PDB file of N, CA and C in Angstrom:
ATOM      1  N   MET A   1       1.127  -1.162  -0.062  1.00  0.00           N
ATOM      2  CA  MET A   1      -0.157  -0.410  -0.135  1.00  0.00           C
ATOM      3  C   MET A   1       0.886   0.993  -0.264  1.00  0.00           C
ATOM      4  N   THR A   2       0.296   2.194  -0.598  1.00  0.00           N
ATOM      5  CA  THR A   2       1.015   3.470  -0.610  1.00  0.00           C
ATOM      6  C   THR A   2       0.109   4.481  -0.199  1.00  0.00           C
ATOM      7  N   ASP A   3       0.374   5.388   0.072  1.00  0.00           N
ATOM      8  CA  ASP A   3      -0.156   6.885   0.280  1.00  0.00           C
ATOM      9  C   ASP A   3       0.023   7.845  -0.555  1.00  0.00           C
ATOM     10  N   ASP A   4      -0.671   8.220  -1.792  1.00  0.00           N
ATOM     11  CA  ASP A   4      -0.343   9.772  -2.760  1.00  0.00           C
ATOM     12  C   ASP A   4      -0.087  10.784  -2.000  1.00  0.00           C
ATOM     13  N   LYS A   5      -1.364  10.886  -1.030  1.00  0.00           N
ATOM     14  CA  LYS A   5      -1.535  12.027  -0.961  1.00  0.00           C
ATOM     15  C   LYS A   5      -1.360  12.630   0.395  1.00  0.00           C
ATOM     16  N   ALA A   6       0.042  11.850   0.434  1.00  0.00           N
ATOM     17  CA  ALA A   6       0.812  11.952   2.050  1.00  0.00           C
ATOM     18  C   ALA A   6       2.212  13.270   1.621  1.00  0.00           C
ATOM     19  N   PRO A   7       1.947  14.074   2.517  1.00  0.00           N
ATOM     20  CA  PRO A   7       2.976  14.977   2.126  1.00  0.00           C
ATOM     21  C   PRO A   7       4.515  14.302   2.477  1.00  0.00           C
ATOM     22  N   THR A   8       5.832  15.396   2.260  1.00  0.00           N
ATOM     23  CA  THR A   8       6.461  14.022   2.462  1.00  0.00           C
ATOM     24  C   THR A   8       7.552  14.375   3.402  1.00  0.00           C
ATOM     25  N   SER A   9       6.496  15.402   4.685  1.00  0.00           N
ATOM     26  CA  SER A   9       6.938  15.541   6.283  1.00  0.00           C
ATOM     27  C   SER A   9       5.833  16.150   7.080  1.00  0.00           C
ATOM     28  N   LEU A  10       5.984  15.436   8.084  1.00  0.00           N
ATOM     29  CA  LEU A  10       4.918  16.038   9.061  1.00  0.00           C
ATOM     30  C   LEU A  10       5.916  17.185  10.255  1.00  0.00           C
ATOM     31  N   GLN A  11       4.873  18.068  10.728  1.00  0.00           N
ATOM     32  CA  GLN A  11       5.335  19.095  11.666  1.00  0.00           C
ATOM     33  C   GLN A  11       4.750  18.541  13.246  1.00  0.00           C
ATOM     34  N   VAL A  12       5.671  18.003  13.924  1.00  0.00           N
ATOM     35  CA  VAL A  12       5.115  17.159  15.462  1.00  0.00           C
ATOM     36  C   VAL A  12       5.584  18.487  16.490  1.00  0.00           C
ATOM     37  N   VAL A  13       4.501  18.230  17.247  1.00  0.00           N
ATOM     38  CA  VAL A  13       4.612  18.957  18.587  1.00  0.00           C
ATOM     39  C   VAL A  13       4.042  18.391  19.648  1.00  0.00           C
ATOM     40  N   ILE A  14       5.220  19.124  20.732  1.00  0.00           N
ATOM     41  CA  ILE A  14       4.866  17.918  21.884  1.00  0.00           C
ATOM     42  C   ILE A  14       4.301  19.077  22.829  1.00  0.00           C
ATOM     43  N   LEU A  15       3.754  18.686  23.390  1.00  0.00           N
ATOM     44  CA  LEU A  15       3.161  19.659  24.997  1.00  0.00           C
ATOM     45  C   LEU A  15       2.695  18.691  25.499  1.00  0.00           C
ATOM     46  N   ASP A  16       2.766  19.669  27.086  1.00  0.00           N
ATOM     47  CA  ASP A  16       2.997  18.873  28.170  1.00  0.00           C
ATOM     48  C   ASP A  16       1.602  18.980  28.705  1.00  0.00           C
ATOM     49  N   ASN A  17       0.451  18.518  29.594  1.00  0.00           N
ATOM     50  CA  ASN A  17      -0.456  18.056  29.993  1.00  0.00           C
ATOM     51  C   ASN A  17      -1.327  19.663  30.507  1.00  0.00           C
ATOM     52  N   ASN A  18      -0.419  20.908  30.683  1.00  0.00           N
ATOM     53  CA  ASN A  18      -0.882  21.700  30.824  1.00  0.00           C
ATOM     54  C   ASN A  18      -0.909  22.741  29.039  1.00  0.00           C
ATOM     55  N   GLY A  19      -0.504  22.077  28.166  1.00  0.00           N
ATOM     56  CA  GLY A  19      -0.219  23.487  26.616  1.00  0.00           C
ATOM     57  C   GLY A  19       1.124  24.171  26.357  1.00  0.00           C
ATOM     58  N   LYS A  20       2.270  23.475  27.392  1.00  0.00           N
ATOM     59  CA  LYS A  20       3.297  23.446  27.486  1.00  0.00           C
ATOM     60  C   LYS A  20       4.025  23.370  26.889  1.00  0.00           C
ATOM     61  N   GLU A  21       4.359  24.063  25.738  1.00  0.00           N
ATOM     62  CA  GLU A  21       5.311  23.000  24.450  1.00  0.00           C
ATOM     63  C   GLU A  21       6.932  22.936  24.755  1.00  0.00           C
ATOM     64  N   TRP A  22       7.316  21.309  24.829  1.00  0.00           N
ATOM     65  CA  TRP A  22       8.500  20.857  24.662  1.00  0.00           C
ATOM     66  C   TRP A  22       9.310  21.116  23.641  1.00  0.00           C
ATOM     67  N   ALA A  23       9.015  20.797  22.431  1.00  0.00           N
ATOM     68  CA  ALA A  23       9.036  20.412  21.231  1.00  0.00           C
ATOM     69  C   ALA A  23       8.764  20.719  19.807  1.00  0.00           C
ATOM     70  N   ARG A  24       9.080  20.765  18.758  1.00  0.00           N
ATOM     71  CA  ARG A  24       8.699  21.164  17.725  1.00  0.00           C
ATOM     72  C   ARG A  24       9.465  20.226  16.384  1.00  0.00           C
ATOM     73  N   LEU A  25       8.990  18.946  15.834  1.00  0.00           N
ATOM     74  CA  LEU A  25       9.924  18.132  15.291  1.00  0.00           C
ATOM     75  C   LEU A  25       9.488  17.947  14.299  1.00  0.00           C
ATOM     76  N   PHE A  26      10.228  17.721  13.152  1.00  0.00           N
ATOM     77  CA  PHE A  26      10.385  17.562  11.471  1.00  0.00           C
ATOM     78  C   PHE A  26      10.387  16.279  11.377  1.00  0.00           C
ATOM     79  N   ALA A  27       9.100  15.207  11.146  1.00  0.00           N
ATOM     80  CA  ALA A  27       9.588  13.855  10.716  1.00  0.00           C
ATOM     81  C   ALA A  27       9.009  13.834   9.053  1.00  0.00           C
ATOM     82  N   ASN A  28      10.122  12.995   8.359  1.00  0.00           N
ATOM     83  CA  ASN A  28      10.120  13.380   6.790  1.00  0.00           C
ATOM     84  C   ASN A  28       9.973  11.971   6.724  1.00  0.00           C
ATOM     85  N   GLN A  29       9.347  11.326   5.481  1.00  0.00           N
ATOM     86  CA  GLN A  29       8.847  10.005   4.961  1.00  0.00           C
ATOM     87  C   GLN A  29      10.314   9.346   4.719  1.00  0.00           C
ATOM     88  N   LYS A  30       9.805   8.159   5.039  1.00  0.00           N
ATOM     89  CA  LYS A  30      11.177   7.299   5.322  1.00  0.00           C
ATOM     90  C   LYS A  30      10.529   5.554   4.504  1.00  0.00           C
ATOM     91  N   ASP A  31      11.345   5.936   4.018  1.00  0.00           N
ATOM     92  CA  ASP A  31      11.698   3.577   3.321  1.00  0.00           C
ATOM     93  C   ASP A  31      12.035   3.193   4.429  1.00  0.00           C
ATOM     94  N   PHE A  32      11.397   1.651   4.697  1.00  0.00           N
ATOM     95  CA  PHE A  32      11.880   1.809   6.402  1.00  0.00           C
ATOM     96  C   PHE A  32      12.736   0.291   5.973  1.00  0.00           C
ATOM     97  N   LYS A  33      14.239  -0.016   6.588  1.00  0.00           N
ATOM     98  CA  LYS A  33      14.465  -1.804   6.312  1.00  0.00           C
ATOM     99  C   LYS A  33      13.297  -2.433   6.322  1.00  0.00           C
ATOM    100  N   THR A  34      12.704  -2.301   6.937  1.00  0.00           N
ATOM    101  CA  THR A  34      11.111  -4.023   7.164  1.00  0.00           C
ATOM    102  C   THR A  34      10.504  -3.768   5.924  1.00  0.00           C
ATOM    103  N   GLY A  35      10.518  -2.674   4.999  1.00  0.00           N
ATOM    104  CA  GLY A  35       9.891  -2.436   3.384  1.00  0.00           C
ATOM    105  C   GLY A  35       9.151  -1.905   3.849  1.00  0.00           C
ATOM    106  N   SER A  36       8.686  -1.393   5.178  1.00  0.00           N
ATOM    107  CA  SER A  36       7.124  -0.600   5.199  1.00  0.00           C
ATOM    108  C   SER A  36       7.846   0.728   4.882  1.00  0.00           C
ATOM    109  N   LYS A  37       6.662   1.553   4.573  1.00  0.00           N
ATOM    110  CA  LYS A  37       6.975   3.116   4.443  1.00  0.00           C
ATOM    111  C   LYS A  37       6.536   3.969   5.643  1.00  0.00           C
ATOM    112  N   GLY A  38       6.958   4.867   5.726  1.00  0.00           N
ATOM    113  CA  GLY A  38       6.166   6.192   6.978  1.00  0.00           C
ATOM    114  C   GLY A  38       7.180   7.825   7.405  1.00  0.00           C
ATOM    115  N   PHE A  39       6.585   7.593   8.337  1.00  0.00           N
ATOM    116  CA  PHE A  39       7.598   8.750   8.364  1.00  0.00           C
ATOM    117  C   PHE A  39       9.151   8.894  10.243  1.00  0.00           C
ATOM    118  N   PHE A  40       9.738   9.071   9.931  1.00  0.00           N
ATOM    119  CA  PHE A  40      10.743   9.061  11.408  1.00  0.00           C
ATOM    120  C   PHE A  40      11.119  10.664  11.599  1.00  0.00           C
ATOM    121  N   THR A  41      11.378  10.643  12.797  1.00  0.00           N
ATOM    122  CA  THR A  41      11.997  11.909  13.578  1.00  0.00           C
ATOM    123  C   THR A  41      12.666  11.646  14.830  1.00  0.00           C
ATOM    124  N   SER A  42      13.671  12.279  15.074  1.00  0.00           N
ATOM    125  CA  SER A  42      14.079  12.009  16.360  1.00  0.00           C
ATOM    126  C   SER A  42      15.358  13.058  16.606  1.00  0.00           C
ATOM    127  N   ASP A  43      15.635  13.273  18.148  1.00  0.00           N
ATOM    128  CA  ASP A  43      16.111  14.244  18.442  1.00  0.00           C
ATOM    129  C   ASP A  43      16.148  14.559  20.055  1.00  0.00           C
ATOM    130  N   LYS A  44      17.011  15.134  20.723  1.00  0.00           N
ATOM    131  CA  LYS A  44      17.195  15.520  22.173  1.00  0.00           C
ATOM    132  C   LYS A  44      16.023  17.035  22.174  1.00  0.00           C
ATOM    133  N   ILE A  45      15.599  16.695  23.151  1.00  0.00           N
ATOM    134  CA  ILE A  45      14.507  18.029  23.457  1.00  0.00           C
ATOM    135  C   ILE A  45      15.114  18.261  25.279  1.00  0.00           C
ATOM    136  N   LYS A  46      14.909  19.093  25.229  1.00  0.00           N
ATOM    137  CA  LYS A  46      14.963  19.241  26.920  1.00  0.00           C
ATOM    138  C   LYS A  46      13.242  19.915  27.515  1.00  0.00           C
ATOM    139  N   ASN A  47      13.419  19.659  28.827  1.00  0.00           N
ATOM    140  CA  ASN A  47      12.331  19.880  29.637  1.00  0.00           C
ATOM    141  C   ASN A  47      12.244  21.365  29.914  1.00  0.00           C
ATOM    142  N   PRO A  48      10.950  22.268  29.130  1.00  0.00           N
ATOM    143  CA  PRO A  48      11.328  24.208  29.297  1.00  0.00           C
ATOM    144  C   PRO A  48      11.236  24.435  30.328  1.00  0.00           C
ATOM    145  N   GLU A  49      11.163  23.884  32.030  1.00  0.00           N
ATOM    146  CA  GLU A  49      11.456  24.268  32.901  1.00  0.00           C
ATOM    147  C   GLU A  49      12.252  24.095  33.904  1.00  0.00           C
ATOM    148  N   ASN A  50      13.101  22.818  32.670  1.00  0.00           N
ATOM    149  CA  ASN A  50      14.635  22.394  33.917  1.00  0.00           C
ATOM    150  C   ASN A  50      15.318  22.520  32.774  1.00  0.00           C
ATOM    151  N   PRO A  51      16.061  23.135  31.991  1.00  0.00           N
ATOM    152  CA  PRO A  51      17.427  22.925  30.762  1.00  0.00           C
ATOM    153  C   PRO A  51      18.623  21.870  30.745  1.00  0.00           C
ATOM    154  N   VAL A  52      18.493  21.672  31.936  1.00  0.00           N
ATOM    155  CA  VAL A  52      19.184  20.732  32.153  1.00  0.00           C
ATOM    156  C   VAL A  52      18.996  19.037  31.442  1.00  0.00           C
ATOM    157  N   ALA A  53      17.553  18.870  32.113  1.00  0.00           N
ATOM    158  CA  ALA A  53      16.494  18.051  31.741  1.00  0.00           C
ATOM    159  C   ALA A  53      17.062  17.855  30.506  1.00  0.00           C
ATOM    160  N   ARG A  54      17.427  16.630  29.658  1.00  0.00           N
ATOM    161  CA  ARG A  54      17.195  16.644  28.285  1.00  0.00           C
ATOM    162  C   ARG A  54      16.821  15.038  28.338  1.00  0.00           C
ATOM    163  N   TYR A  55      15.073  14.985  27.232  1.00  0.00           N
ATOM    164  CA  TYR A  55      15.571  13.865  26.815  1.00  0.00           C
ATOM    165  C   TYR A  55      15.210  12.991  25.155  1.00  0.00           C
ATOM    166  N   GLN A  56      15.884  12.126  24.831  1.00  0.00           N
ATOM    167  CA  GLN A  56      15.604  11.723  23.607  1.00  0.00           C
ATOM    168  C   GLN A  56      14.400  10.967  23.295  1.00  0.00           C
ATOM    169  N   CYS A  57      14.041  11.258  22.175  1.00  0.00           N
ATOM    170  CA  CYS A  57      12.365  11.121  21.582  1.00  0.00           C
ATOM    171  C   CYS A  57      12.501  10.642  20.116  1.00  0.00           C
ATOM    172  N   SER A  58      11.935  10.081  19.608  1.00  0.00           N
ATOM    173  CA  SER A  58      12.314   9.348  18.700  1.00  0.00           C
ATOM    174  C   SER A  58      10.612   8.960  18.668  1.00  0.00           C
ATOM    175  N   LEU A  59      10.243   8.851  16.929  1.00  0.00           N
ATOM    176  CA  LEU A  59       9.022   9.453  16.515  1.00  0.00           C
ATOM    177  C   LEU A  59       8.734   8.027  15.638  1.00  0.00           C
ATOM    178  N   THR A  60       7.915   7.310  15.267  1.00  0.00           N
ATOM    179  CA  THR A  60       7.857   6.707  13.858  1.00  0.00           C
ATOM    180  C   THR A  60       6.462   6.910  13.607  1.00  0.00           C
ATOM    181  N   PHE A  61       6.259   6.439  12.292  1.00  0.00           N
ATOM    182  CA  PHE A  61       4.573   6.835  11.776  1.00  0.00           C
ATOM    183  C   PHE A  61       4.743   5.564  10.683  1.00  0.00           C
ATOM    184  N   THR A  62       4.064   4.728  10.929  1.00  0.00           N
ATOM    185  CA  THR A  62       3.999   3.674   9.706  1.00  0.00           C
ATOM    186  C   THR A  62       2.916   3.234   9.264  1.00  0.00           C
ATOM    187  N   LEU A  63       2.934   3.366   7.772  1.00  0.00           N
ATOM    188  CA  LEU A  63       2.011   3.558   7.195  1.00  0.00           C
ATOM    189  C   LEU A  63       1.443   1.506   7.334  1.00  0.00           C
ATOM    190  N   ILE A  64       0.700   1.297   7.521  1.00  0.00           N
ATOM    191  CA  ILE A  64      -0.516   0.558   8.038  1.00  0.00           C
ATOM    192  C   ILE A  64      -0.680  -0.579   7.000  1.00  0.00           C
ATOM    193  N   GLY A  65       0.203  -1.645   6.177  1.00  0.00           N
ATOM    194  CA  GLY A  65       0.040  -2.247   5.099  1.00  0.00           C
ATOM    195  C   GLY A  65       0.998  -1.887   3.724  1.00  0.00           C
ATOM    196  N   SER A  66       1.609  -0.779   4.282  1.00  0.00           N
ATOM    197  CA  SER A  66       2.465  -0.842   3.339  1.00  0.00           C
ATOM    198  C   SER A  66       3.651  -2.142   3.232  1.00  0.00           C
ATOM    199  N   LYS A  67       4.065  -2.500   4.113  1.00  0.00           N
ATOM    200  CA  LYS A  67       4.816  -3.913   3.588  1.00  0.00           C
ATOM    201  C   LYS A  67       4.429  -4.776   2.953  1.00  0.00           C
ATOM    202  N   ASP A  68       5.254  -4.860   1.371  1.00  0.00           N
ATOM    203  CA  ASP A  68       4.922  -5.684   0.672  1.00  0.00           C
ATOM    204  C   ASP A  68       5.217  -7.362   2.065  1.00  0.00           C
ATOM    205  N   LYS A  69       4.200  -8.183   1.021  1.00  0.00           N
ATOM    206  CA  LYS A  69       3.980  -9.585   1.405  1.00  0.00           C
ATOM    207  C   LYS A  69       5.569 -10.052   0.625  1.00  0.00           C
ATOM    208  N   ALA A  70       5.844 -10.923   1.507  1.00  0.00           N
ATOM    209  CA  ALA A  70       7.138 -12.310   0.778  1.00  0.00           C
ATOM    210  C   ALA A  70       5.966 -13.390  -0.011  1.00  0.00           C
ATOM    211  N   PRO A  71       6.301 -13.683  -1.353  1.00  0.00           N
ATOM    212  CA  PRO A  71       6.042 -14.592  -1.773  1.00  0.00           C
ATOM    213  C   PRO A  71       5.866 -15.824  -1.008  1.00  0.00           C
ATOM    214  N   GLU A  72       4.685 -16.756  -1.312  1.00  0.00           N
ATOM    215  CA  GLU A  72       4.385 -18.261  -0.563  1.00  0.00           C
ATOM    216  C   GLU A  72       5.565 -18.561  -0.718  1.00  0.00           C
ATOM    217  N   GLY A  73       5.802 -19.547   0.255  1.00  0.00           N
ATOM    218  CA  GLY A  73       7.413 -20.158   0.621  1.00  0.00           C
ATOM    219  C   GLY A  73       8.608 -19.568   0.868  1.00  0.00           C
ATOM    220  N   GLU A  74       8.913 -18.462   1.147  1.00  0.00           N
ATOM    221  CA  GLU A  74      10.028 -17.413   1.009  1.00  0.00           C
ATOM    222  C   GLU A  74       9.678 -17.543   2.925  1.00  0.00           C
TER     223      GLU A  74
END
């Protein structure tokens, strides 16, 4: 499966439960090694209330059904 209407990138905004922004990331289209298609981004982000506290963030958006199925017998 493919999604011809998908953009080439997505903007991801990470907010805490009070609406304070922690980060803005851009996830670009990606063909994963598994054969699936989707979007991926990874970055280090800081807690806006404690800039010494850093977090590693990785986001994967996988298009369901995008992985080609192996032929029978493989």
